[in-house]
Amino acid sequence: MKRLLLILILTLSFQSLTNADDISDFEIEGISIGDSLLNFVSKEYINNQKPFTYPKSKKFKEYRVDMELLQYDMVTVTVKASDNKYIIYSMMADLSFINNFNKCKAKKTQILKEIKNVIGDFEKEEDDRYERSLDKSGNSYDESTTIYFKNGDNIRVICTNWSEAMDNGDRLTIAINTEEFFNWMVNEAY
């Protein structure tokens, strides 16, 4: 099965490629859903890192992938906590847009257009806007678009607009999720 480089979405057009129908066809910095985290970092690195765990369920753990990145500022992957093979069920990549939410939204629109050109038919698309709970002022928010594959897997493209009080830069996040992970995150993690 061909592998499409999601990293290229930031710089190249996909119009000449055939349709992708599975999220494992996409890569971020060379990493795909279904890969083992051990292909990119050592077991020692994993053991020395404190993974992010979710408040209500410890079924999955999120690790930052510390490697030389070509297009993104940070990449994280999520694996099952009990899996010694560290198979990836979700991954996210962030790109900073320091105090430039409009530029983030323009890049989000471009990425979504190119993703849709690559995947062809998809089940549905949902847009959402929600406040960031870390900002008690209520002035920070995300604008997200989720594209669902027919099998329930999804790709989310999110722009975060942090208020000046938070002293965080605006950012673009691309998340690629299996249906299993996404359902768990929505229904059990929080």
Protein backbone atom coordinates (compact mmCIF):
# COMPACT_ATOMS: atom_id res chain seq x y z
CA MET A 1 0.00 0.00 0.00
CA LYS A 2 1.36 3.38 -0.92
CA ARG A 3 2.36 5.79 1.80
CA LEU A 4 1.45 9.43 1.41
CA LEU A 5 3.52 11.99 3.20
CA LEU A 6 1.27 14.28 5.19
CA ILE A 7 4.36 16.40 5.70
CA LEU A 8 4.15 17.27 2.00
CA ILE A 9 0.74 18.81 2.50
CA LEU A 10 2.53 21.82 3.91
CA THR A 11 4.58 22.30 0.77
CA LEU A 12 3.30 20.27 -2.21
CA SER A 13 0.04 19.55 -3.99
CA PHE A 14 -1.39 16.02 -4.01
CA GLN A 15 -3.64 16.42 -7.04
CA SER A 16 -1.71 13.91 -9.14
CA LEU A 17 -1.85 11.11 -6.54
CA THR A 18 -4.51 8.43 -6.30
CA ASN A 19 -6.96 8.40 -3.41
CA ALA A 20 -6.04 7.20 0.05
CA ASP A 21 -8.69 5.28 1.94
CA ASP A 22 -6.89 4.46 5.16
CA ILE A 23 -5.13 6.68 7.68
CA SER A 24 -2.11 4.37 7.66
CA ASP A 25 -1.47 5.78 4.16
CA PHE A 26 -0.44 9.09 5.74
CA GLU A 27 2.88 9.91 7.39
CA ILE A 28 3.97 12.70 9.65
CA GLU A 29 7.75 13.08 9.71
CA GLY A 30 8.01 9.49 8.41
CA ILE A 31 5.73 8.02 11.12
CA SER A 32 2.41 6.28 10.36
CA ILE A 33 -0.47 4.83 12.34
CA GLY A 34 0.29 1.13 12.89
CA ASP A 35 4.06 1.65 13.08
CA SER A 36 5.96 0.77 16.23
CA LEU A 37 7.35 3.68 18.21
CA LEU A 38 10.47 1.51 18.58
CA ASN A 39 11.20 2.16 14.89
CA PHE A 40 11.90 5.81 15.76
CA VAL A 41 13.23 5.87 19.33
CA SER A 42 14.95 3.37 21.61
CA LYS A 43 13.33 1.40 24.42
CA GLU A 44 15.68 3.26 26.76
CA TYR A 45 14.32 6.60 25.49
CA ILE A 46 10.75 5.41 26.10
CA ASN A 47 11.58 4.17 29.60
CA ASN A 48 13.28 7.47 30.51
CA GLN A 49 10.41 9.62 29.28
CA LYS A 50 7.41 10.51 31.39
CA PRO A 51 4.47 9.94 29.03
CA PHE A 52 1.28 11.96 29.14
CA THR A 53 -1.59 9.96 30.57
CA TYR A 54 -5.23 10.91 30.54
CA PRO A 55 -7.06 11.70 33.79
CA LYS A 56 -9.76 9.01 33.85
CA SER A 57 -8.18 6.08 32.01
CA LYS A 58 -4.63 4.84 31.64
CA LYS A 59 -5.36 2.64 28.59
CA PHE A 60 -3.23 4.85 26.31
CA LYS A 61 -0.01 6.82 26.81
CA GLU A 62 1.28 9.71 24.72
CA TYR A 63 4.99 10.10 24.02
CA ARG A 64 6.88 12.98 22.48
CA VAL A 65 9.03 11.76 19.60
CA ASP A 66 12.42 13.35 20.04
CA MET A 67 14.05 13.25 16.64
CA GLU A 68 15.14 15.78 14.05
CA LEU A 69 11.93 17.21 12.60
CA LEU A 70 11.76 18.68 9.11
CA GLN A 71 8.39 20.45 9.08
CA TYR A 72 6.94 20.51 12.57
CA ASP A 73 7.92 21.88 15.96
CA MET A 74 6.78 18.78 17.84
CA VAL A 75 5.39 15.30 17.14
CA THR A 76 3.68 13.06 19.68
CA VAL A 77 2.35 9.53 19.30
CA THR A 78 -0.08 7.52 21.38
CA VAL A 79 0.27 3.82 22.14
CA LYS A 80 -1.59 1.37 24.36
CA ALA A 81 -0.08 1.38 27.85
CA SER A 82 0.08 -2.43 27.97
CA ASP A 83 1.62 -2.89 24.51
CA ASN A 84 5.31 -3.89 24.57
CA LYS A 85 5.47 -3.41 20.79
CA TYR A 86 4.40 0.26 21.14
CA ILE A 87 2.05 0.23 18.13
CA ILE A 88 0.90 3.76 17.27
CA TYR A 89 -2.87 4.46 17.46
CA SER A 90 -2.75 8.24 17.21
CA MET A 91 -0.24 10.92 16.35
CA MET A 92 -0.13 14.69 16.42
CA ALA A 93 2.14 17.29 14.92
CA ASP A 94 2.28 20.95 15.96
CA LEU A 95 3.46 23.98 14.04
CA SER A 96 3.77 27.36 15.79
CA PHE A 97 2.23 30.57 14.51
CA ILE A 98 3.36 33.13 17.06
CA ASN A 99 0.53 35.66 17.44
CA ASN A 100 -0.72 34.97 13.93
CA PHE A 101 -4.02 33.12 14.15
CA ASN A 102 -5.08 34.28 10.68
CA LYS A 103 -1.99 32.69 9.13
CA CYS A 104 -2.79 29.49 11.05
CA LYS A 105 -6.34 29.47 9.67
CA ALA A 106 -5.08 30.02 6.12
CA LYS A 107 -2.68 27.06 6.47
CA LYS A 108 -5.49 24.97 7.97
CA THR A 109 -7.70 25.71 4.96
CA GLN A 110 -4.89 24.76 2.57
CA ILE A 111 -4.15 21.51 4.41
CA LEU A 112 -7.82 20.48 4.53
CA LYS A 113 -8.23 21.11 0.81
CA GLU A 114 -5.22 18.96 0.01
CA ILE A 115 -6.27 16.17 2.39
CA LYS A 116 -9.69 16.06 0.72
CA ASN A 117 -8.05 15.89 -2.70
CA VAL A 118 -6.04 12.88 -1.56
CA ILE A 119 -8.72 10.92 0.26
CA GLY A 120 -11.55 11.50 -2.19
CA ASP A 121 -14.78 10.23 -0.63
CA PHE A 122 -15.06 10.38 3.13
CA GLU A 123 -17.85 9.72 5.57
CA LYS A 124 -18.36 13.22 7.00
CA GLU A 125 -16.71 16.46 8.01
CA GLU A 126 -17.34 18.33 11.26
CA ASP A 127 -16.30 21.85 12.22
CA ASP A 128 -16.12 22.83 15.87
CA ARG A 129 -15.04 25.76 18.00
CA TYR A 130 -14.43 25.35 21.72
CA GLU A 131 -12.76 27.21 24.55
CA ARG A 132 -9.42 26.08 25.94
CA SER A 133 -10.02 25.13 29.57
CA LEU A 134 -6.46 26.09 30.59
CA ASP A 135 -7.31 29.75 30.01
CA LYS A 136 -9.58 30.75 32.89
CA SER A 137 -10.39 34.04 31.12
CA GLY A 138 -12.22 32.10 28.40
CA ASN A 139 -10.42 34.03 25.67
CA SER A 140 -8.44 31.11 24.19
CA TYR A 141 -10.11 28.73 21.78
CA ASP A 142 -9.65 26.05 19.13
CA GLU A 143 -11.19 25.97 15.68
CA SER A 144 -11.10 22.39 14.44
CA THR A 145 -12.21 20.41 11.43
CA THR A 146 -12.46 16.63 11.63
CA ILE A 147 -12.64 14.46 8.53
CA TYR A 148 -14.01 10.98 9.23
CA PHE A 149 -13.15 7.96 7.13
CA LYS A 150 -15.86 5.37 6.51
CA ASN A 151 -14.22 3.03 9.05
CA GLY A 152 -14.38 5.69 11.82
CA ASP A 153 -10.70 6.72 11.72
CA ASN A 154 -10.21 10.47 11.39
CA ILE A 155 -7.87 13.33 10.66
CA ARG A 156 -8.27 16.55 12.63
CA VAL A 157 -6.76 19.91 11.72
CA ILE A 158 -6.91 22.44 14.55
CA CYS A 159 -5.91 26.06 14.99
CA THR A 160 -5.47 27.19 18.58
CA ASN A 161 -5.83 30.89 19.34
CA TRP A 162 -4.24 31.53 22.74
CA SER A 163 -5.08 34.80 24.49
CA GLU A 164 -2.20 37.16 25.19
CA ALA A 165 -2.61 36.46 28.91
CA MET A 166 -1.61 32.82 28.34
CA ASP A 167 1.72 33.76 26.73
CA ASN A 168 1.50 30.76 24.40
CA GLY A 169 1.91 31.07 20.66
CA ASP A 170 -0.98 30.23 18.36
CA ARG A 171 -0.51 26.84 16.74
CA LEU A 172 -1.67 24.45 14.09
CA THR A 173 -2.16 20.80 15.08
CA ILE A 174 -2.70 17.87 12.76
CA ALA A 175 -4.00 14.76 14.52
CA ILE A 176 -4.43 11.36 12.90
CA ASN A 177 -6.54 8.98 14.99
CA THR A 178 -7.75 5.41 14.79
CA GLU A 179 -11.41 4.94 15.58
CA GLU A 180 -10.47 2.91 18.67
CA PHE A 181 -8.31 5.67 20.13
CA PHE A 182 -10.71 8.49 19.23
CA ASN A 183 -13.73 6.74 20.78
CA TRP A 184 -11.72 6.03 23.92
CA MET A 185 -10.56 9.65 24.13
CA VAL A 186 -14.09 11.00 23.73
CA ASN A 187 -15.82 8.49 26.03
CA GLU A 188 -13.28 7.38 28.65
CA ALA A 189 -10.15 9.54 28.83
CA TYR A 190 -11.72 12.57 30.47
